[in-house]
Amino acid sequence: MVRLLVPLVLEAIRMVERGDCSIKDVDNAMRLGAGHVIGPIALADMVGLDVLKMILDGWSERYPREQLFRRNELLERLVSEGRLGRKTGEGFLKHI
C-alpha cells in the first residue's frame, strides 16, 4: 500500500510546487474525481511530513535512478522548518 500511496502523494506535491494546481484543487480532484476519502496533500499532513520524508529518503537511497523517489525540495524545506503536519499544527495546511 505504501509503495503505491507515497508516489501519488509525491506527485501531488510536485504538481503544487510547479504551480500546476493549488493544494485545494489537487485534494478536491482526488476526493471528488477519484473517490478518495482524503486528498493526497491532507493525507501527507496526517501521516506526517517527517515520516513521508523518511520513507522517501530510504527509497531514494535504495533506488537512486528511480525518478518517482527523487528528493523533493518543498517537502525537505517544510520538514526543516518543523512544519510536520497535524502533529505540529502546520504542514502544507494549517491545523487548529
PDB file of N, CA and C in Angstrom:
ATOM      1  N   MET A   1       0.820  -1.195   0.000  1.00  0.00           N
ATOM      2  CA  MET A   1       0.000   0.000   0.000  1.00  0.00           C
ATOM      3  C   MET A   1       0.862   1.256   0.000  1.00  0.00           C
ATOM      4  N   VAL A   2       1.878   1.286   0.860  1.00  0.00           N
ATOM      5  CA  VAL A   2       2.762   2.443   0.935  1.00  0.00           C
ATOM      6  C   VAL A   2       3.467   2.658  -0.397  1.00  0.00           C
ATOM      7  N   ARG A   3       3.853   1.564  -1.055  1.00  0.00           N
ATOM      8  CA  ARG A   3       4.577   1.641  -2.332  1.00  0.00           C
ATOM      9  C   ARG A   3       3.741   2.339  -3.408  1.00  0.00           C
ATOM     10  N   LEU A   4       2.429   2.255  -3.309  1.00  0.00           N
ATOM     11  CA  LEU A   4       1.541   2.928  -4.261  1.00  0.00           C
ATOM     12  C   LEU A   4       1.168   4.334  -3.798  1.00  0.00           C
ATOM     13  N   LEU A   5       0.960   4.488  -2.511  1.00  0.00           N
ATOM     14  CA  LEU A   5       0.439   5.736  -1.976  1.00  0.00           C
ATOM     15  C   LEU A   5       1.474   6.858  -1.952  1.00  0.00           C
ATOM     16  N   VAL A   6       2.697   6.558  -1.554  1.00  0.00           N
ATOM     17  CA  VAL A   6       3.715   7.603  -1.434  1.00  0.00           C
ATOM     18  C   VAL A   6       4.015   8.261  -2.783  1.00  0.00           C
ATOM     19  N   PRO A   7       4.202   7.516  -3.877  1.00  0.00           N
ATOM     20  CA  PRO A   7       4.402   8.199  -5.161  1.00  0.00           C
ATOM     21  C   PRO A   7       3.218   9.087  -5.560  1.00  0.00           C
ATOM     22  N   LEU A   8       2.003   8.678  -5.237  1.00  0.00           N
ATOM     23  CA  LEU A   8       0.828   9.507  -5.512  1.00  0.00           C
ATOM     24  C   LEU A   8       0.919  10.825  -4.750  1.00  0.00           C
ATOM     25  N   VAL A   9       1.235  10.741  -3.469  1.00  0.00           N
ATOM     26  CA  VAL A   9       1.360  11.940  -2.639  1.00  0.00           C
ATOM     27  C   VAL A   9       2.488  12.828  -3.159  1.00  0.00           C
ATOM     28  N   LEU A  10       3.612  12.222  -3.511  1.00  0.00           N
ATOM     29  CA  LEU A  10       4.748  12.998  -4.011  1.00  0.00           C
ATOM     30  C   LEU A  10       4.425  13.705  -5.321  1.00  0.00           C
ATOM     31  N   GLU A  11       3.703  13.037  -6.203  1.00  0.00           N
ATOM     32  CA  GLU A  11       3.334  13.690  -7.463  1.00  0.00           C
ATOM     33  C   GLU A  11       2.376  14.844  -7.201  1.00  0.00           C
ATOM     34  N   ALA A  12       1.475  14.705  -6.248  1.00  0.00           N
ATOM     35  CA  ALA A  12       0.580  15.808  -5.884  1.00  0.00           C
ATOM     36  C   ALA A  12       1.398  16.994  -5.366  1.00  0.00           C
ATOM     37  N   ILE A  13       2.406  16.719  -4.543  1.00  0.00           N
ATOM     38  CA  ILE A  13       3.281  17.784  -4.023  1.00  0.00           C
ATOM     39  C   ILE A  13       4.017  18.455  -5.175  1.00  0.00           C
ATOM     40  N   ARG A  14       4.513  17.664  -6.115  1.00  0.00           N
ATOM     41  CA  ARG A  14       5.221  18.227  -7.267  1.00  0.00           C
ATOM     42  C   ARG A  14       4.298  19.110  -8.117  1.00  0.00           C
ATOM     43  N   MET A  15       3.051  18.701  -8.273  1.00  0.00           N
ATOM     44  CA  MET A  15       2.090  19.500  -9.036  1.00  0.00           C
ATOM     45  C   MET A  15       1.868  20.857  -8.376  1.00  0.00           C
ATOM     46  N   VAL A  16       1.747  20.862  -7.059  1.00  0.00           N
ATOM     47  CA  VAL A  16       1.570  22.111  -6.314  1.00  0.00           C
ATOM     48  C   VAL A  16       2.841  22.951  -6.419  1.00  0.00           C
ATOM     49  N   GLU A  17       3.984  22.308  -6.262  1.00  0.00           N
ATOM     50  CA  GLU A  17       5.270  23.001  -6.319  1.00  0.00           C
ATOM     51  C   GLU A  17       5.493  23.673  -7.679  1.00  0.00           C
ATOM     52  N   ARG A  18       5.108  23.008  -8.749  1.00  0.00           N
ATOM     53  CA  ARG A  18       5.263  23.564 -10.100  1.00  0.00           C
ATOM     54  C   ARG A  18       4.227  24.648 -10.407  1.00  0.00           C
ATOM     55  N   GLY A  19       3.189  24.740  -9.593  1.00  0.00           N
ATOM     56  CA  GLY A  19       2.135  25.705  -9.846  1.00  0.00           C
ATOM     57  C   GLY A  19       1.065  25.190 -10.783  1.00  0.00           C
ATOM     58  N   ASP A  20       1.046  23.870 -11.011  1.00  0.00           N
ATOM     59  CA  ASP A  20       0.030  23.273 -11.876  1.00  0.00           C
ATOM     60  C   ASP A  20      -1.365  23.411 -11.274  1.00  0.00           C
ATOM     61  N   CYS A  21      -1.447  23.367  -9.969  1.00  0.00           N
ATOM     62  CA  CYS A  21      -2.727  23.481  -9.269  1.00  0.00           C
ATOM     63  C   CYS A  21      -2.466  23.870  -7.821  1.00  0.00           C
ATOM     64  N   SER A  22      -3.535  24.237  -7.149  1.00  0.00           N
ATOM     65  CA  SER A  22      -3.424  24.576  -5.726  1.00  0.00           C
ATOM     66  C   SER A  22      -3.578  23.302  -4.889  1.00  0.00           C
ATOM     67  N   ILE A  23      -3.232  23.405  -3.635  1.00  0.00           N
ATOM     68  CA  ILE A  23      -3.426  22.290  -2.702  1.00  0.00           C
ATOM     69  C   ILE A  23      -4.905  21.898  -2.680  1.00  0.00           C
ATOM     70  N   LYS A  24      -5.766  22.903  -2.594  1.00  0.00           N
ATOM     71  CA  LYS A  24      -7.212  22.635  -2.560  1.00  0.00           C
ATOM     72  C   LYS A  24      -7.665  21.919  -3.826  1.00  0.00           C
ATOM     73  N   ASP A  25      -7.162  22.363  -4.970  1.00  0.00           N
ATOM     74  CA  ASP A  25      -7.551  21.755  -6.246  1.00  0.00           C
ATOM     75  C   ASP A  25      -7.147  20.287  -6.327  1.00  0.00           C
ATOM     76  N   VAL A  26      -5.912  19.984  -5.979  1.00  0.00           N
ATOM     77  CA  VAL A  26      -5.455  18.591  -6.091  1.00  0.00           C
ATOM     78  C   VAL A  26      -6.185  17.700  -5.089  1.00  0.00           C
ATOM     79  N   ASP A  27      -6.405  18.180  -3.883  1.00  0.00           N
ATOM     80  CA  ASP A  27      -7.126  17.368  -2.902  1.00  0.00           C
ATOM     81  C   ASP A  27      -8.583  17.164  -3.319  1.00  0.00           C
ATOM     82  N   ASN A  28      -9.231  18.225  -3.798  1.00  0.00           N
ATOM     83  CA  ASN A  28     -10.619  18.087  -4.262  1.00  0.00           C
ATOM     84  C   ASN A  28     -10.718  17.156  -5.461  1.00  0.00           C
ATOM     85  N   ALA A  29      -9.775  17.251  -6.371  1.00  0.00           N
ATOM     86  CA  ALA A  29      -9.800  16.387  -7.558  1.00  0.00           C
ATOM     87  C   ALA A  29      -9.746  14.914  -7.163  1.00  0.00           C
ATOM     88  N   MET A  30      -8.907  14.586  -6.221  1.00  0.00           N
ATOM     89  CA  MET A  30      -8.777  13.180  -5.818  1.00  0.00           C
ATOM     90  C   MET A  30      -9.975  12.733  -4.981  1.00  0.00           C
ATOM     91  N   ARG A  31     -10.519  13.621  -4.169  1.00  0.00           N
ATOM     92  CA  ARG A  31     -11.698  13.241  -3.386  1.00  0.00           C
ATOM     93  C   ARG A  31     -12.934  13.113  -4.279  1.00  0.00           C
ATOM     94  N   LEU A  32     -13.183  14.130  -5.080  1.00  0.00           N
ATOM     95  CA  LEU A  32     -14.409  14.148  -5.866  1.00  0.00           C
ATOM     96  C   LEU A  32     -14.280  13.357  -7.170  1.00  0.00           C
ATOM     97  N   GLY A  33     -13.146  13.439  -7.820  1.00  0.00           N
ATOM     98  CA  GLY A  33     -12.968  12.782  -9.102  1.00  0.00           C
ATOM     99  C   GLY A  33     -12.545  11.328  -9.007  1.00  0.00           C
ATOM    100  N   ALA A  34     -11.753  11.003  -7.999  1.00  0.00           N
ATOM    101  CA  ALA A  34     -11.253   9.628  -7.874  1.00  0.00           C
ATOM    102  C   ALA A  34     -11.896   8.873  -6.720  1.00  0.00           C
ATOM    103  N   GLY A  35     -12.738   9.553  -5.950  1.00  0.00           N
ATOM    104  CA  GLY A  35     -13.450   8.884  -4.869  1.00  0.00           C
ATOM    105  C   GLY A  35     -12.614   8.613  -3.631  1.00  0.00           C
ATOM    106  N   HIS A  36     -11.479   9.296  -3.491  1.00  0.00           N
ATOM    107  CA  HIS A  36     -10.666   9.113  -2.289  1.00  0.00           C
ATOM    108  C   HIS A  36     -11.341   9.793  -1.103  1.00  0.00           C
ATOM    109  N   VAL A  37     -11.172   9.237   0.056  1.00  0.00           N
ATOM    110  CA  VAL A  37     -11.771   9.791   1.272  1.00  0.00           C
ATOM    111  C   VAL A  37     -11.082  11.088   1.678  1.00  0.00           C
ATOM    112  N   ILE A  38      -9.790  11.167   1.399  1.00  0.00           N
ATOM    113  CA  ILE A  38      -8.980  12.333   1.761  1.00  0.00           C
ATOM    114  C   ILE A  38      -8.038  12.618   0.592  1.00  0.00           C
ATOM    115  N   GLY A  39      -7.749  13.881   0.386  1.00  0.00           N
ATOM    116  CA  GLY A  39      -6.821  14.249  -0.682  1.00  0.00           C
ATOM    117  C   GLY A  39      -5.382  13.921  -0.310  1.00  0.00           C
ATOM    118  N   PRO A  40      -4.494  13.828  -1.296  1.00  0.00           N
ATOM    119  CA  PRO A  40      -3.116  13.426  -1.034  1.00  0.00           C
ATOM    120  C   PRO A  40      -2.318  14.422  -0.187  1.00  0.00           C
ATOM    121  N   ILE A  41      -2.599  15.699  -0.313  1.00  0.00           N
ATOM    122  CA  ILE A  41      -1.866  16.683   0.485  1.00  0.00           C
ATOM    123  C   ILE A  41      -2.337  16.627   1.941  1.00  0.00           C
ATOM    124  N   ALA A  42      -3.640  16.540   2.145  1.00  0.00           N
ATOM    125  CA  ALA A  42      -4.170  16.394   3.506  1.00  0.00           C
ATOM    126  C   ALA A  42      -3.673  15.088   4.130  1.00  0.00           C
ATOM    127  N   LEU A  43      -3.572  14.043   3.335  1.00  0.00           N
ATOM    128  CA  LEU A  43      -3.058  12.764   3.821  1.00  0.00           C
ATOM    129  C   LEU A  43      -1.596  12.886   4.242  1.00  0.00           C
ATOM    130  N   ALA A  44      -0.803  13.600   3.452  1.00  0.00           N
ATOM    131  CA  ALA A  44       0.601  13.820   3.804  1.00  0.00           C
ATOM    132  C   ALA A  44       0.704  14.498   5.168  1.00  0.00           C
ATOM    133  N   ASP A  45      -0.114  15.519   5.393  1.00  0.00           N
ATOM    134  CA  ASP A  45      -0.115  16.208   6.689  1.00  0.00           C
ATOM    135  C   ASP A  45      -0.556  15.275   7.806  1.00  0.00           C
ATOM    136  N   MET A  46      -1.504  14.406   7.532  1.00  0.00           N
ATOM    137  CA  MET A  46      -1.989  13.484   8.558  1.00  0.00           C
ATOM    138  C   MET A  46      -0.914  12.451   8.926  1.00  0.00           C
ATOM    139  N   VAL A  47      -0.265  11.907   7.921  1.00  0.00           N
ATOM    140  CA  VAL A  47       0.784  10.912   8.157  1.00  0.00           C
ATOM    141  C   VAL A  47       1.977  11.556   8.851  1.00  0.00           C
ATOM    142  N   GLY A  48       2.298  12.748   8.435  1.00  0.00           N
ATOM    143  CA  GLY A  48       3.456  13.464   8.964  1.00  0.00           C
ATOM    144  C   GLY A  48       4.483  13.644   7.867  1.00  0.00           C
ATOM    145  N   LEU A  49       4.855  14.883   7.629  1.00  0.00           N
ATOM    146  CA  LEU A  49       5.805  15.160   6.555  1.00  0.00           C
ATOM    147  C   LEU A  49       7.170  14.576   6.861  1.00  0.00           C
ATOM    148  N   ASP A  50       7.511  14.476   8.146  1.00  0.00           N
ATOM    149  CA  ASP A  50       8.776  13.847   8.525  1.00  0.00           C
ATOM    150  C   ASP A  50       8.771  12.356   8.199  1.00  0.00           C
ATOM    151  N   VAL A  51       7.638  11.712   8.390  1.00  0.00           N
ATOM    152  CA  VAL A  51       7.510  10.285   8.070  1.00  0.00           C
ATOM    153  C   VAL A  51       7.606  10.095   6.559  1.00  0.00           C
ATOM    154  N   LEU A  52       6.911  10.936   5.820  1.00  0.00           N
ATOM    155  CA  LEU A  52       6.962  10.876   4.356  1.00  0.00           C
ATOM    156  C   LEU A  52       8.395  11.078   3.864  1.00  0.00           C
ATOM    157  N   LYS A  53       9.096  12.053   4.434  1.00  0.00           N
ATOM    158  CA  LYS A  53      10.482  12.319   4.047  1.00  0.00           C
ATOM    159  C   LYS A  53      11.378  11.125   4.385  1.00  0.00           C
ATOM    160  N   MET A  54      11.160  10.501   5.538  1.00  0.00           N
ATOM    161  CA  MET A  54      11.961   9.346   5.933  1.00  0.00           C
ATOM    162  C   MET A  54      11.783   8.194   4.936  1.00  0.00           C
ATOM    163  N   ILE A  55      10.555   7.948   4.526  1.00  0.00           N
ATOM    164  CA  ILE A  55      10.281   6.909   3.527  1.00  0.00           C
ATOM    165  C   ILE A  55      10.971   7.260   2.216  1.00  0.00           C
ATOM    166  N   LEU A  56      10.811   8.494   1.777  1.00  0.00           N
ATOM    167  CA  LEU A  56      11.397   8.945   0.520  1.00  0.00           C
ATOM    168  C   LEU A  56      12.925   8.852   0.564  1.00  0.00           C
ATOM    169  N   ASP A  57      13.530   9.245   1.674  1.00  0.00           N
ATOM    170  CA  ASP A  57      14.991   9.172   1.809  1.00  0.00           C
ATOM    171  C   ASP A  57      15.477   7.734   1.659  1.00  0.00           C
ATOM    172  N   GLY A  58      14.787   6.808   2.294  1.00  0.00           N
ATOM    173  CA  GLY A  58      15.168   5.397   2.197  1.00  0.00           C
ATOM    174  C   GLY A  58      15.026   4.864   0.787  1.00  0.00           C
ATOM    175  N   TRP A  59      13.924   5.202   0.146  1.00  0.00           N
ATOM    176  CA  TRP A  59      13.701   4.722  -1.215  1.00  0.00           C
ATOM    177  C   TRP A  59      14.685   5.351  -2.196  1.00  0.00           C
ATOM    178  N   SER A  60      14.962   6.655  -2.050  1.00  0.00           N
ATOM    179  CA  SER A  60      15.877   7.304  -2.989  1.00  0.00           C
ATOM    180  C   SER A  60      17.298   6.777  -2.816  1.00  0.00           C
ATOM    181  N   GLU A  61      17.649   6.370  -1.611  1.00  0.00           N
ATOM    182  CA  GLU A  61      18.962   5.761  -1.383  1.00  0.00           C
ATOM    183  C   GLU A  61      19.023   4.365  -2.003  1.00  0.00           C
ATOM    184  N   ARG A  62      17.954   3.611  -1.831  1.00  0.00           N
ATOM    185  CA  ARG A  62      17.926   2.238  -2.353  1.00  0.00           C
ATOM    186  C   ARG A  62      17.776   2.198  -3.877  1.00  0.00           C
ATOM    187  N   TYR A  63      16.996   3.133  -4.411  1.00  0.00           N
ATOM    188  CA  TYR A  63      16.736   3.184  -5.858  1.00  0.00           C
ATOM    189  C   TYR A  63      17.139   4.552  -6.401  1.00  0.00           C
ATOM    190  N   PRO A  64      18.420   4.850  -6.477  1.00  0.00           N
ATOM    191  CA  PRO A  64      18.862   6.211  -6.826  1.00  0.00           C
ATOM    192  C   PRO A  64      18.472   6.673  -8.229  1.00  0.00           C
ATOM    193  N   ARG A  65      18.196   5.760  -9.143  1.00  0.00           N
ATOM    194  CA  ARG A  65      17.829   6.162 -10.512  1.00  0.00           C
ATOM    195  C   ARG A  65      16.326   6.244 -10.726  1.00  0.00           C
ATOM    196  N   GLU A  66      15.543   5.869  -9.732  1.00  0.00           N
ATOM    197  CA  GLU A  66      14.083   5.887  -9.868  1.00  0.00           C
ATOM    198  C   GLU A  66      13.561   7.315  -9.690  1.00  0.00           C
ATOM    199  N   GLN A  67      13.009   7.881 -10.751  1.00  0.00           N
ATOM    200  CA  GLN A  67      12.516   9.257 -10.725  1.00  0.00           C
ATOM    201  C   GLN A  67      11.362   9.453  -9.739  1.00  0.00           C
ATOM    202  N   LEU A  68      10.547   8.440  -9.535  1.00  0.00           N
ATOM    203  CA  LEU A  68       9.432   8.560  -8.583  1.00  0.00           C
ATOM    204  C   LEU A  68       9.911   8.857  -7.170  1.00  0.00           C
ATOM    205  N   PHE A  69      11.149   8.441  -6.861  1.00  0.00           N
ATOM    206  CA  PHE A  69      11.649   8.555  -5.496  1.00  0.00           C
ATOM    207  C   PHE A  69      12.672   9.667  -5.317  1.00  0.00           C
ATOM    208  N   ARG A  70      12.759  10.566  -6.289  1.00  0.00           N
ATOM    209  CA  ARG A  70      13.734  11.643  -6.145  1.00  0.00           C
ATOM    210  C   ARG A  70      13.305  12.588  -5.011  1.00  0.00           C
ATOM    211  N   ARG A  71      14.276  13.163  -4.382  1.00  0.00           N
ATOM    212  CA  ARG A  71      14.008  14.059  -3.248  1.00  0.00           C
ATOM    213  C   ARG A  71      13.196  15.261  -3.710  1.00  0.00           C
ATOM    214  N   ASN A  72      12.446  15.821  -2.760  1.00  0.00           N
ATOM    215  CA  ASN A  72      11.567  16.938  -3.078  1.00  0.00           C
ATOM    216  C   ASN A  72      11.951  18.130  -2.205  1.00  0.00           C
ATOM    217  N   GLU A  73      12.323  19.227  -2.846  1.00  0.00           N
ATOM    218  CA  GLU A  73      12.790  20.414  -2.120  1.00  0.00           C
ATOM    219  C   GLU A  73      11.726  21.008  -1.200  1.00  0.00           C
ATOM    220  N   LEU A  74      10.495  21.089  -1.663  1.00  0.00           N
ATOM    221  CA  LEU A  74       9.432  21.661  -0.842  1.00  0.00           C
ATOM    222  C   LEU A  74       9.209  20.822   0.413  1.00  0.00           C
ATOM    223  N   LEU A  75       9.149  19.515   0.259  1.00  0.00           N
ATOM    224  CA  LEU A  75       8.976  18.624   1.408  1.00  0.00           C
ATOM    225  C   LEU A  75      10.146  18.784   2.377  1.00  0.00           C
ATOM    226  N   GLU A  76      11.357  18.812   1.857  1.00  0.00           N
ATOM    227  CA  GLU A  76      12.536  18.951   2.713  1.00  0.00           C
ATOM    228  C   GLU A  76      12.530  20.291   3.453  1.00  0.00           C
ATOM    229  N   ARG A  77      12.113  21.352   2.770  1.00  0.00           N
ATOM    230  CA  ARG A  77      12.061  22.670   3.413  1.00  0.00           C
ATOM    231  C   ARG A  77      11.042  22.699   4.543  1.00  0.00           C
ATOM    232  N   LEU A  78       9.853  22.162   4.295  1.00  0.00           N
ATOM    233  CA  LEU A  78       8.824  22.157   5.337  1.00  0.00           C
ATOM    234  C   LEU A  78       9.290  21.366   6.561  1.00  0.00           C
ATOM    235  N   VAL A  79       9.906  20.229   6.333  1.00  0.00           N
ATOM    236  CA  VAL A  79      10.400  19.417   7.451  1.00  0.00           C
ATOM    237  C   VAL A  79      11.498  20.168   8.206  1.00  0.00           C
ATOM    238  N   SER A  80      12.417  20.804   7.483  1.00  0.00           N
ATOM    239  CA  SER A  80      13.499  21.537   8.158  1.00  0.00           C
ATOM    240  C   SER A  80      12.966  22.723   8.958  1.00  0.00           C
ATOM    241  N   GLU A  81      11.820  23.272   8.544  1.00  0.00           N
ATOM    242  CA  GLU A  81      11.180  24.374   9.269  1.00  0.00           C
ATOM    243  C   GLU A  81      10.340  23.875  10.441  1.00  0.00           C
ATOM    244  N   GLY A  82      10.256  22.558  10.612  1.00  0.00           N
ATOM    245  CA  GLY A  82       9.453  21.997  11.694  1.00  0.00           C
ATOM    246  C   GLY A  82       7.974  21.935  11.386  1.00  0.00           C
ATOM    247  N   ARG A  83       7.616  22.154  10.141  1.00  0.00           N
ATOM    248  CA  ARG A  83       6.212  22.078   9.711  1.00  0.00           C
ATOM    249  C   ARG A  83       5.953  20.639   9.274  1.00  0.00           C
ATOM    250  N   LEU A  84       5.546  19.813  10.233  1.00  0.00           N
ATOM    251  CA  LEU A  84       5.440  18.374  10.014  1.00  0.00           C
ATOM    252  C   LEU A  84       4.020  17.892   9.761  1.00  0.00           C
ATOM    253  N   GLY A  85       3.067  18.805   9.726  1.00  0.00           N
ATOM    254  CA  GLY A  85       1.681  18.404   9.500  1.00  0.00           C
ATOM    255  C   GLY A  85       0.853  18.557  10.764  1.00  0.00           C
ATOM    256  N   ARG A  86      -0.126  17.695  10.910  1.00  0.00           N
ATOM    257  CA  ARG A  86      -1.054  17.783  12.045  1.00  0.00           C
ATOM    258  C   ARG A  86      -0.357  17.795  13.395  1.00  0.00           C
ATOM    259  N   LYS A  87       0.684  16.995  13.532  1.00  0.00           N
ATOM    260  CA  LYS A  87       1.349  16.860  14.835  1.00  0.00           C
ATOM    261  C   LYS A  87       1.978  18.166  15.320  1.00  0.00           C
ATOM    262  N   THR A  88       2.288  19.093  14.394  1.00  0.00           N
ATOM    263  CA  THR A  88       2.851  20.386  14.794  1.00  0.00           C
ATOM    264  C   THR A  88       1.873  21.531  14.550  1.00  0.00           C
ATOM    265  N   GLY A  89       0.709  21.216  14.005  1.00  0.00           N
ATOM    266  CA  GLY A  89      -0.297  22.237  13.745  1.00  0.00           C
ATOM    267  C   GLY A  89      -0.191  22.881  12.372  1.00  0.00           C
ATOM    268  N   GLU A  90       0.891  22.569  11.651  1.00  0.00           N
ATOM    269  CA  GLU A  90       1.046  23.126  10.313  1.00  0.00           C
ATOM    270  C   GLU A  90       1.996  22.263   9.490  1.00  0.00           C
ATOM    271  N   GLY A  91       1.604  22.063   8.247  1.00  0.00           N
ATOM    272  CA  GLY A  91       2.429  21.371   7.259  1.00  0.00           C
ATOM    273  C   GLY A  91       2.168  22.082   5.960  1.00  0.00           C
ATOM    274  N   PHE A  92       1.536  21.392   5.021  1.00  0.00           N
ATOM    275  CA  PHE A  92       1.052  22.076   3.827  1.00  0.00           C
ATOM    276  C   PHE A  92      -0.176  22.894   4.183  1.00  0.00           C
ATOM    277  N   LEU A  93      -0.918  22.445   5.173  1.00  0.00           N
ATOM    278  CA  LEU A  93      -2.141  23.097   5.645  1.00  0.00           C
ATOM    279  C   LEU A  93      -1.962  23.519   7.096  1.00  0.00           C
ATOM    280  N   LYS A  94      -2.802  24.433   7.551  1.00  0.00           N
ATOM    281  CA  LYS A  94      -2.814  24.803   8.966  1.00  0.00           C
ATOM    282  C   LYS A  94      -3.866  23.957   9.662  1.00  0.00           C
ATOM    283  N   HIS A  95      -3.511  23.437  10.828  1.00  0.00           N
ATOM    284  CA  HIS A  95      -4.425  22.589  11.597  1.00  0.00           C
ATOM    285  C   HIS A  95      -4.666  23.240  12.952  1.00  0.00           C
ATOM    286  N   ILE A  96      -5.913  23.424  13.256  1.00  0.00           N
ATOM    287  CA  ILE A  96      -6.285  24.098  14.515  1.00  0.00           C
ATOM    288  C   ILE A  96      -6.539  23.057  15.590  1.00  0.00           C
TER     289      ILE A  96
END
